[in-house]
PDB file of all heavy atoms in Angstrom:
ATOM      1  N   SER A   1       0.826  -1.198  -0.002  1.00  0.00           N
ATOM      2  CA  SER A   1      -0.003  -0.002  -0.005  1.00  0.00           C
ATOM      3  C   SER A   1       0.858   1.260   0.006  1.00  0.00           C
ATOM      4  O   SER A   1       0.581   2.236  -0.719  1.00  0.00           O
ATOM      5  CB  SER A   1      -0.920  -0.004   1.214  1.00  0.00           C
ATOM      6  OG  SER A   1      -1.666   1.194   1.307  1.00  0.00           O
ATOM      7  N   GLU A   2       1.927   1.239   0.781  1.00  0.00           N
ATOM      8  CA  GLU A   2       2.779   2.430   0.926  1.00  0.00           C
ATOM      9  C   GLU A   2       3.612   2.678  -0.321  1.00  0.00           C
ATOM     10  O   GLU A   2       3.907   3.835  -0.666  1.00  0.00           O
ATOM     11  CB  GLU A   2       3.701   2.270   2.134  1.00  0.00           C
ATOM     12  CG  GLU A   2       2.929   2.328   3.455  1.00  0.00           C
ATOM     13  CD  GLU A   2       3.838   2.011   4.648  1.00  0.00           C
ATOM     14  OE1 GLU A   2       5.000   1.589   4.427  1.00  0.00           O
ATOM     15  OE2 GLU A   2       3.377   2.186   5.793  1.00  0.00           O
ATOM     16  N   THR A   3       3.980   1.636  -1.023  1.00  0.00           N
ATOM     17  CA  THR A   3       4.859   1.774  -2.190  1.00  0.00           C
ATOM     18  C   THR A   3       4.103   1.789  -3.515  1.00  0.00           C
ATOM     19  O   THR A   3       4.642   2.186  -4.543  1.00  0.00           O
ATOM     20  CB  THR A   3       5.871   0.616  -2.257  1.00  0.00           C
ATOM     21  OG1 THR A   3       5.171  -0.631  -2.396  1.00  0.00           O
ATOM     22  CG2 THR A   3       6.744   0.578  -1.007  1.00  0.00           C
ATOM     23  N   GLY A   4       2.844   1.355  -3.477  1.00  0.00           N
ATOM     24  CA  GLY A   4       2.057   1.244  -4.704  1.00  0.00           C
ATOM     25  C   GLY A   4       2.452   0.051  -5.555  1.00  0.00           C
ATOM     26  O   GLY A   4       2.043  -0.053  -6.706  1.00  0.00           O
ATOM     27  N   SER A   5       3.242  -0.847  -4.987  1.00  0.00           N
ATOM     28  CA  SER A   5       3.649  -2.044  -5.730  1.00  0.00           C
ATOM     29  C   SER A   5       2.509  -3.068  -5.754  1.00  0.00           C
ATOM     30  O   SER A   5       1.726  -3.153  -4.807  1.00  0.00           O
ATOM     31  CB  SER A   5       4.872  -2.688  -5.034  1.00  0.00           C
ATOM     32  OG  SER A   5       5.961  -1.780  -4.988  1.00  0.00           O
ATOM     33  N   GLY A   6       2.428  -3.818  -6.827  1.00  0.00           N
ATOM     34  CA  GLY A   6       1.406  -4.843  -6.939  1.00  0.00           C
ATOM     35  C   GLY A   6       1.682  -5.985  -5.972  1.00  0.00           C
ATOM     36  O   GLY A   6       2.822  -6.450  -5.844  1.00  0.00           O
ATOM     37  N   TYR A   7       0.656  -6.431  -5.277  1.00  0.00           N
ATOM     38  CA  TYR A   7       0.798  -7.547  -4.312  1.00  0.00           C
ATOM     39  C   TYR A   7      -0.484  -8.309  -4.217  1.00  0.00           C
ATOM     40  O   TYR A   7      -1.582  -7.753  -4.129  1.00  0.00           O
ATOM     41  CB  TYR A   7       1.184  -6.992  -2.940  1.00  0.00           C
ATOM     42  CG  TYR A   7       1.156  -8.049  -1.859  1.00  0.00           C
ATOM     43  CD1 TYR A   7       2.110  -9.056  -1.798  1.00  0.00           C
ATOM     44  CD2 TYR A   7       0.146  -8.024  -0.889  1.00  0.00           C
ATOM     45  CE1 TYR A   7       2.069 -10.041  -0.805  1.00  0.00           C
ATOM     46  CE2 TYR A   7       0.104  -8.994   0.127  1.00  0.00           C
ATOM     47  CZ  TYR A   7       1.073 -10.006   0.148  1.00  0.00           C
ATOM     48  OH  TYR A   7       1.016 -10.960   1.124  1.00  0.00           O
ATOM     49  N   SER A   8      -0.351  -9.628  -4.220  1.00  0.00           N
ATOM     50  CA  SER A   8      -1.499 -10.503  -3.950  1.00  0.00           C
ATOM     51  C   SER A   8      -0.984 -11.711  -3.204  1.00  0.00           C
ATOM     52  O   SER A   8       0.211 -12.061  -3.257  1.00  0.00           O
ATOM     53  CB  SER A   8      -2.177 -10.926  -5.232  1.00  0.00           C
ATOM     54  OG  SER A   8      -1.276 -11.627  -6.099  1.00  0.00           O
ATOM     55  N   PHE A   9      -1.884 -12.344  -2.465  1.00  0.00           N
ATOM     56  CA  PHE A   9      -1.494 -13.482  -1.646  1.00  0.00           C
ATOM     57  C   PHE A   9      -2.411 -14.661  -1.913  1.00  0.00           C
ATOM     58  O   PHE A   9      -3.623 -14.524  -1.982  1.00  0.00           O
ATOM     59  CB  PHE A   9      -1.559 -13.115  -0.145  1.00  0.00           C
ATOM     60  CG  PHE A   9      -1.211 -14.285   0.765  1.00  0.00           C
ATOM     61  CD1 PHE A   9       0.094 -14.770   0.821  1.00  0.00           C
ATOM     62  CD2 PHE A   9      -2.188 -14.884   1.528  1.00  0.00           C
ATOM     63  CE1 PHE A   9       0.402 -15.844   1.651  1.00  0.00           C
ATOM     64  CE2 PHE A   9      -1.884 -15.960   2.350  1.00  0.00           C
ATOM     65  CZ  PHE A   9      -0.568 -16.444   2.404  1.00  0.00           C
ATOM     66  N   ILE A  10      -1.793 -15.833  -2.088  1.00  0.00           N
ATOM     67  CA  ILE A  10      -2.542 -17.065  -2.315  1.00  0.00           C
ATOM     68  C   ILE A  10      -2.321 -17.996  -1.121  1.00  0.00           C
ATOM     69  O   ILE A  10      -1.182 -18.360  -0.814  1.00  0.00           O
ATOM     70  CB  ILE A  10      -2.059 -17.758  -3.605  1.00  0.00           C
ATOM     71  CG1 ILE A  10      -2.229 -16.825  -4.817  1.00  0.00           C
ATOM     72  CG2 ILE A  10      -2.797 -19.074  -3.812  1.00  0.00           C
ATOM     73  CD1 ILE A  10      -1.581 -17.377  -6.069  1.00  0.00           C
ATOM     74  N   ARG A  11      -3.395 -18.342  -0.454  1.00  0.00           N
ATOM     75  CA  ARG A  11      -3.319 -19.263   0.676  1.00  0.00           C
ATOM     76  C   ARG A  11      -3.516 -20.675   0.118  1.00  0.00           C
ATOM     77  O   ARG A  11      -4.640 -21.102  -0.187  1.00  0.00           O
ATOM     78  CB  ARG A  11      -4.400 -18.927   1.703  1.00  0.00           C
ATOM     79  CG  ARG A  11      -4.171 -19.535   3.106  1.00  0.00           C
ATOM     80  CD  ARG A  11      -5.199 -18.998   4.074  1.00  0.00           C
ATOM     81  NE  ARG A  11      -5.052 -17.561   4.278  1.00  0.00           N
ATOM     82  CZ  ARG A  11      -4.496 -17.010   5.368  1.00  0.00           C
ATOM     83  NH1 ARG A  11      -4.067 -17.796   6.340  1.00  0.00           N
ATOM     84  NH2 ARG A  11      -4.389 -15.723   5.480  1.00  0.00           N
ATOM     85  N   ALA A  12      -2.417 -21.403  -0.048  1.00  0.00           N
ATOM     86  CA  ALA A  12      -2.477 -22.694  -0.700  1.00  0.00           C
ATOM     87  C   ALA A  12      -1.347 -23.589  -0.214  1.00  0.00           C
ATOM     88  O   ALA A  12      -0.320 -23.113   0.283  1.00  0.00           O
ATOM     89  CB  ALA A  12      -2.365 -22.514  -2.211  1.00  0.00           C
ATOM     90  N   ASP A  13      -1.561 -24.877  -0.373  1.00  0.00           N
ATOM     91  CA  ASP A  13      -0.591 -25.895   0.006  1.00  0.00           C
ATOM     92  C   ASP A  13       0.164 -26.305  -1.255  1.00  0.00           C
ATOM     93  O   ASP A  13      -0.418 -26.783  -2.242  1.00  0.00           O
ATOM     94  CB  ASP A  13      -1.299 -27.106   0.626  1.00  0.00           C
ATOM     95  CG  ASP A  13      -0.332 -28.140   1.172  1.00  0.00           C
ATOM     96  OD1 ASP A  13       0.860 -28.104   0.827  1.00  0.00           O
ATOM     97  OD2 ASP A  13      -0.791 -29.017   1.945  1.00  0.00           O
ATOM     98  N   LEU A  14       1.485 -26.167  -1.229  1.00  0.00           N
ATOM     99  CA  LEU A  14       2.295 -26.504  -2.416  1.00  0.00           C
ATOM    100  C   LEU A  14       2.198 -27.978  -2.786  1.00  0.00           C
ATOM    101  O   LEU A  14       2.449 -28.346  -3.936  1.00  0.00           O
ATOM    102  CB  LEU A  14       3.767 -26.180  -2.159  1.00  0.00           C
ATOM    103  CG  LEU A  14       4.128 -24.690  -2.229  1.00  0.00           C
ATOM    104  CD1 LEU A  14       5.588 -24.502  -1.853  1.00  0.00           C
ATOM    105  CD2 LEU A  14       3.868 -24.141  -3.626  1.00  0.00           C
ATOM    106  N   ALA A  15       1.830 -28.837  -1.831  1.00  0.00           N
ATOM    107  CA  ALA A  15       1.693 -30.251  -2.143  1.00  0.00           C
ATOM    108  C   ALA A  15       0.401 -30.535  -2.909  1.00  0.00           C
ATOM    109  O   ALA A  15       0.219 -31.647  -3.406  1.00  0.00           O
ATOM    110  CB  ALA A  15       1.743 -31.077  -0.851  1.00  0.00           C
ATOM    111  N   ASP A  16      -0.480 -29.544  -2.990  1.00  0.00           N
ATOM    112  CA  ASP A  16      -1.721 -29.681  -3.755  1.00  0.00           C
ATOM    113  C   ASP A  16      -1.431 -29.273  -5.202  1.00  0.00           C
ATOM    114  O   ASP A  16      -1.334 -28.081  -5.540  1.00  0.00           O
ATOM    115  CB  ASP A  16      -2.811 -28.784  -3.150  1.00  0.00           C
ATOM    116  CG  ASP A  16      -4.174 -28.985  -3.794  1.00  0.00           C
ATOM    117  OD1 ASP A  16      -4.230 -29.154  -5.028  1.00  0.00           O
ATOM    118  OD2 ASP A  16      -5.167 -28.959  -3.052  1.00  0.00           O
ATOM    119  N   ARG A  17      -1.298 -30.233  -6.055  1.00  0.00           N
ATOM    120  CA  ARG A  17      -0.908 -29.988  -7.436  1.00  0.00           C
ATOM    121  C   ARG A  17      -1.871 -29.041  -8.160  1.00  0.00           C
ATOM    122  O   ARG A  17      -1.442 -28.137  -8.866  1.00  0.00           O
ATOM    123  CB  ARG A  17      -0.858 -31.328  -8.186  1.00  0.00           C
ATOM    124  CG  ARG A  17      -0.518 -31.230  -9.649  1.00  0.00           C
ATOM    125  CD  ARG A  17      -0.423 -32.630 -10.256  1.00  0.00           C
ATOM    126  NE  ARG A  17      -0.365 -32.595 -11.705  1.00  0.00           N
ATOM    127  CZ  ARG A  17      -0.348 -33.680 -12.457  1.00  0.00           C
ATOM    128  NH1 ARG A  17      -0.386 -34.874 -11.897  1.00  0.00           N
ATOM    129  NH2 ARG A  17      -0.290 -33.590 -13.783  1.00  0.00           N
ATOM    130  N   GLY A  18      -3.154 -29.213  -7.941  1.00  0.00           N
ATOM    131  CA  GLY A  18      -4.136 -28.362  -8.585  1.00  0.00           C
ATOM    132  C   GLY A  18      -3.991 -26.896  -8.201  1.00  0.00           C
ATOM    133  O   GLY A  18      -4.135 -26.016  -9.066  1.00  0.00           O
ATOM    134  N   GLN A  19      -3.733 -26.639  -6.923  1.00  0.00           N
ATOM    135  CA  GLN A  19      -3.569 -25.246  -6.483  1.00  0.00           C
ATOM    136  C   GLN A  19      -2.351 -24.608  -7.089  1.00  0.00           C
ATOM    137  O   GLN A  19      -2.366 -23.425  -7.471  1.00  0.00           O
ATOM    138  CB  GLN A  19      -3.523 -25.201  -4.971  1.00  0.00           C
ATOM    139  CG  GLN A  19      -4.823 -25.517  -4.262  1.00  0.00           C
ATOM    140  CD  GLN A  19      -4.730 -25.343  -2.765  1.00  0.00           C
ATOM    141  OE1 GLN A  19      -3.797 -25.814  -2.118  1.00  0.00           O
ATOM    142  NE2 GLN A  19      -5.740 -24.723  -2.160  1.00  0.00           N
ATOM    143  N   VAL A  20      -1.264 -25.372  -7.191  1.00  0.00           N
ATOM    144  CA  VAL A  20      -0.036 -24.814  -7.781  1.00  0.00           C
ATOM    145  C   VAL A  20      -0.231 -24.573  -9.285  1.00  0.00           C
ATOM    146  O   VAL A  20       0.180 -23.535  -9.811  1.00  0.00           O
ATOM    147  CB  VAL A  20       1.161 -25.750  -7.521  1.00  0.00           C
ATOM    148  CG1 VAL A  20       2.420 -25.223  -8.225  1.00  0.00           C
ATOM    149  CG2 VAL A  20       1.423 -25.884  -6.020  1.00  0.00           C
ATOM    150  N   GLU A  21      -0.869 -25.506  -9.955  1.00  0.00           N
ATOM    151  CA  GLU A  21      -1.144 -25.323 -11.390  1.00  0.00           C
ATOM    152  C   GLU A  21      -2.018 -24.080 -11.615  1.00  0.00           C
ATOM    153  O   GLU A  21      -1.799 -23.343 -12.566  1.00  0.00           O
ATOM    154  CB  GLU A  21      -1.805 -26.583 -11.938  1.00  0.00           C
ATOM    155  CG  GLU A  21      -0.844 -27.764 -12.074  1.00  0.00           C
ATOM    156  CD  GLU A  21      -1.547 -29.019 -12.584  1.00  0.00           C
ATOM    157  OE1 GLU A  21      -2.807 -29.033 -12.591  1.00  0.00           O
ATOM    158  OE2 GLU A  21      -0.842 -29.979 -12.949  1.00  0.00           O
ATOM    159  N   ALA A  22      -3.019 -23.899 -10.753  1.00  0.00           N
ATOM    160  CA  ALA A  22      -3.880 -22.726 -10.891  1.00  0.00           C
ATOM    161  C   ALA A  22      -3.090 -21.407 -10.706  1.00  0.00           C
ATOM    162  O   ALA A  22      -3.335 -20.433 -11.410  1.00  0.00           O
ATOM    163  CB  ALA A  22      -5.024 -22.798  -9.887  1.00  0.00           C
ATOM    164  N   CYS A  23      -2.150 -21.431  -9.794  1.00  0.00           N
ATOM    165  CA  CYS A  23      -1.315 -20.250  -9.545  1.00  0.00           C
ATOM    166  C   CYS A  23      -0.523 -19.891 -10.808  1.00  0.00           C
ATOM    167  O   CYS A  23      -0.512 -18.744 -11.259  1.00  0.00           O
ATOM    168  CB  CYS A  23      -0.363 -20.505  -8.373  1.00  0.00           C
ATOM    169  SG  CYS A  23       0.918 -19.247  -8.139  1.00  0.00           S
ATOM    170  N   PHE A  24       0.121 -20.891 -11.390  1.00  0.00           N
ATOM    171  CA  PHE A  24       0.941 -20.619 -12.592  1.00  0.00           C
ATOM    172  C   PHE A  24       0.055 -20.309 -13.812  1.00  0.00           C
ATOM    173  O   PHE A  24       0.504 -19.576 -14.688  1.00  0.00           O
ATOM    174  CB  PHE A  24       1.871 -21.801 -12.881  1.00  0.00           C
ATOM    175  CG  PHE A  24       3.120 -21.803 -12.050  1.00  0.00           C
ATOM    176  CD1 PHE A  24       3.185 -22.465 -10.832  1.00  0.00           C
ATOM    177  CD2 PHE A  24       4.237 -21.138 -12.501  1.00  0.00           C
ATOM    178  CE1 PHE A  24       4.329 -22.475 -10.079  1.00  0.00           C
ATOM    179  CE2 PHE A  24       5.411 -21.119 -11.747  1.00  0.00           C
ATOM    180  CZ  PHE A  24       5.471 -21.792 -10.537  1.00  0.00           C
ATOM    181  N   ALA A  25      -1.138 -20.847 -13.838  1.00  0.00           N
ATOM    182  CA  ALA A  25      -2.049 -20.536 -14.958  1.00  0.00           C
ATOM    183  C   ALA A  25      -2.574 -19.103 -14.881  1.00  0.00           C
ATOM    184  O   ALA A  25      -2.874 -18.499 -15.914  1.00  0.00           O
ATOM    185  CB  ALA A  25      -3.227 -21.508 -14.940  1.00  0.00           C
ATOM    186  N   SER A  26      -2.623 -18.552 -13.660  1.00  0.00           N
ATOM    187  CA  SER A  26      -3.172 -17.193 -13.470  1.00  0.00           C
ATOM    188  C   SER A  26      -2.122 -16.092 -13.615  1.00  0.00           C
ATOM    189  O   SER A  26      -2.479 -14.910 -13.737  1.00  0.00           O
ATOM    190  CB  SER A  26      -3.802 -17.085 -12.090  1.00  0.00           C
ATOM    191  OG  SER A  26      -4.838 -18.037 -11.943  1.00  0.00           O
ATOM    192  N   HIS A  27      -0.855 -16.466 -13.567  1.00  0.00           N
ATOM    193  CA  HIS A  27       0.207 -15.463 -13.592  1.00  0.00           C
ATOM    194  C   HIS A  27       1.337 -15.875 -14.494  1.00  0.00           C
ATOM    195  O   HIS A  27       1.619 -17.067 -14.666  1.00  0.00           O
ATOM    196  CB  HIS A  27       0.788 -15.227 -12.174  1.00  0.00           C
ATOM    197  CG  HIS A  27      -0.220 -14.825 -11.166  1.00  0.00           C
ATOM    198  ND1 HIS A  27      -0.607 -13.502 -10.979  1.00  0.00           N
ATOM    199  CD2 HIS A  27      -0.943 -15.534 -10.253  1.00  0.00           C
ATOM    200  CE1 HIS A  27      -1.502 -13.440 -10.018  1.00  0.00           C
ATOM    201  NE2 HIS A  27      -1.724 -14.651  -9.555  1.00  0.00           N
ATOM    202  N   ARG A  28       2.014 -14.895 -15.059  1.00  0.00           N
ATOM    203  CA  ARG A  28       3.244 -15.134 -15.839  1.00  0.00           C
ATOM    204  C   ARG A  28       4.386 -14.503 -15.030  1.00  0.00           C
ATOM    205  O   ARG A  28       4.513 -13.308 -14.964  1.00  0.00           O
ATOM    206  CB  ARG A  28       3.139 -14.489 -17.206  1.00  0.00           C
ATOM    207  CG  ARG A  28       4.387 -14.665 -18.066  1.00  0.00           C
ATOM    208  CD  ARG A  28       4.643 -16.120 -18.446  1.00  0.00           C
ATOM    209  NE  ARG A  28       3.584 -16.686 -19.274  1.00  0.00           N
ATOM    210  CZ  ARG A  28       3.580 -17.900 -19.783  1.00  0.00           C
ATOM    211  NH1 ARG A  28       4.594 -18.716 -19.503  1.00  0.00           N
ATOM    212  NH2 ARG A  28       2.583 -18.329 -20.518  1.00  0.00           N
ATOM    213  N   PHE A  29       5.190 -15.365 -14.413  1.00  0.00           N
ATOM    214  CA  PHE A  29       6.227 -14.868 -13.500  1.00  0.00           C
ATOM    215  C   PHE A  29       7.558 -14.636 -14.215  1.00  0.00           C
ATOM    216  O   PHE A  29       8.002 -15.471 -15.004  1.00  0.00           O
ATOM    217  CB  PHE A  29       6.450 -15.857 -12.345  1.00  0.00           C
ATOM    218  CG  PHE A  29       5.235 -16.072 -11.488  1.00  0.00           C
ATOM    219  CD1 PHE A  29       4.588 -17.280 -11.447  1.00  0.00           C
ATOM    220  CD2 PHE A  29       4.734 -15.038 -10.711  1.00  0.00           C
ATOM    221  CE1 PHE A  29       3.461 -17.477 -10.668  1.00  0.00           C
ATOM    222  CE2 PHE A  29       3.616 -15.201  -9.911  1.00  0.00           C
ATOM    223  CZ  PHE A  29       2.973 -16.436  -9.895  1.00  0.00           C
ATOM    224  N   ASP A  30       8.205 -13.516 -13.875  1.00  0.00           N
ATOM    225  CA  ASP A  30       9.545 -13.235 -14.362  1.00  0.00           C
ATOM    226  C   ASP A  30      10.590 -13.969 -13.519  1.00  0.00           C
ATOM    227  O   ASP A  30      11.676 -14.270 -14.007  1.00  0.00           O
ATOM    228  CB  ASP A  30       9.806 -11.728 -14.327  1.00  0.00           C
ATOM    229  CG  ASP A  30       8.866 -10.975 -15.221  1.00  0.00           C
ATOM    230  OD1 ASP A  30       8.913 -11.183 -16.449  1.00  0.00           O
ATOM    231  OD2 ASP A  30       8.060 -10.188 -14.678  1.00  0.00           O
ATOM    232  N   ARG A  31      10.263 -14.210 -12.264  1.00  0.00           N
ATOM    233  CA  ARG A  31      11.119 -14.937 -11.363  1.00  0.00           C
ATOM    234  C   ARG A  31      10.232 -15.743 -10.391  1.00  0.00           C
ATOM    235  O   ARG A  31       9.152 -15.293 -10.012  1.00  0.00           O
ATOM    236  CB  ARG A  31      12.013 -14.014 -10.532  1.00  0.00           C
ATOM    237  CG  ARG A  31      12.999 -13.189 -11.328  1.00  0.00           C
ATOM    238  CD  ARG A  31      14.129 -14.019 -11.869  1.00  0.00           C
ATOM    239  NE  ARG A  31      15.189 -13.193 -12.458  1.00  0.00           N
ATOM    240  CZ  ARG A  31      15.155 -12.710 -13.684  1.00  0.00           C
ATOM    241  NH1 ARG A  31      14.131 -12.964 -14.494  1.00  0.00           N
ATOM    242  NH2 ARG A  31      16.171 -11.969 -14.155  1.00  0.00           N
ATOM    243  N   VAL A  32      10.753 -16.899  -9.989  1.00  0.00           N
ATOM    244  CA  VAL A  32      10.138 -17.668  -8.901  1.00  0.00           C
ATOM    245  C   VAL A  32      11.220 -17.864  -7.822  1.00  0.00           C
ATOM    246  O   VAL A  32      12.319 -18.319  -8.146  1.00  0.00           O
ATOM    247  CB  VAL A  32       9.596 -19.023  -9.368  1.00  0.00           C
ATOM    248  CG1 VAL A  32       9.162 -19.887  -8.178  1.00  0.00           C
ATOM    249  CG2 VAL A  32       8.450 -18.842 -10.343  1.00  0.00           C
ATOM    250  N   ILE A  33      10.887 -17.473  -6.588  1.00  0.00           N
ATOM    251  CA  ILE A  33      11.789 -17.682  -5.467  1.00  0.00           C
ATOM    252  C   ILE A  33      11.099 -18.588  -4.483  1.00  0.00           C
ATOM    253  O   ILE A  33      10.111 -18.185  -3.829  1.00  0.00           O
ATOM    254  CB  ILE A  33      12.209 -16.336  -4.818  1.00  0.00           C
ATOM    255  CG1 ILE A  33      12.835 -15.420  -5.861  1.00  0.00           C
ATOM    256  CG2 ILE A  33      13.184 -16.595  -3.659  1.00  0.00           C
ATOM    257  CD1 ILE A  33      13.222 -14.025  -5.324  1.00  0.00           C
ATOM    258  N   HIS A  34      11.586 -19.810  -4.390  1.00  0.00           N
ATOM    259  CA  HIS A  34      10.893 -20.864  -3.653  1.00  0.00           C
ATOM    260  C   HIS A  34      11.545 -21.029  -2.271  1.00  0.00           C
ATOM    261  O   HIS A  34      12.625 -21.589  -2.148  1.00  0.00           O
ATOM    262  CB  HIS A  34      10.950 -22.175  -4.435  1.00  0.00           C
ATOM    263  CG  HIS A  34      10.372 -23.327  -3.705  1.00  0.00           C
ATOM    264  ND1 HIS A  34       9.062 -23.378  -3.270  1.00  0.00           N
ATOM    265  CD2 HIS A  34      10.936 -24.512  -3.326  1.00  0.00           C
ATOM    266  CE1 HIS A  34       8.835 -24.521  -2.670  1.00  0.00           C
ATOM    267  NE2 HIS A  34       9.963 -25.218  -2.681  1.00  0.00           N
ATOM    268  N   LEU A  35      10.849 -20.535  -1.248  1.00  0.00           N
ATOM    269  CA  LEU A  35      11.369 -20.599   0.119  1.00  0.00           C
ATOM    270  C   LEU A  35      10.466 -21.434   1.023  1.00  0.00           C
ATOM    271  O   LEU A  35      10.846 -21.735   2.156  1.00  0.00           O
ATOM    272  CB  LEU A  35      11.489 -19.190   0.695  1.00  0.00           C
ATOM    273  CG  LEU A  35      12.406 -18.227  -0.092  1.00  0.00           C
ATOM    274  CD1 LEU A  35      12.371 -16.847   0.514  1.00  0.00           C
ATOM    275  CD2 LEU A  35      13.845 -18.748  -0.150  1.00  0.00           C
TER     276      LEU A  35
END
C-alpha cells in the first residue's frame, strides 16, 4: 500500500498440485523464489 507495488497473496498448500497449477495458470512470473 505504501509503495504502490502490486501484491497479492494465495493461501495454498504446495503439495496440492491443482492449487499450484492454478497459480501458474493465473500469472506469468519473471522470477520464482521458492522458500
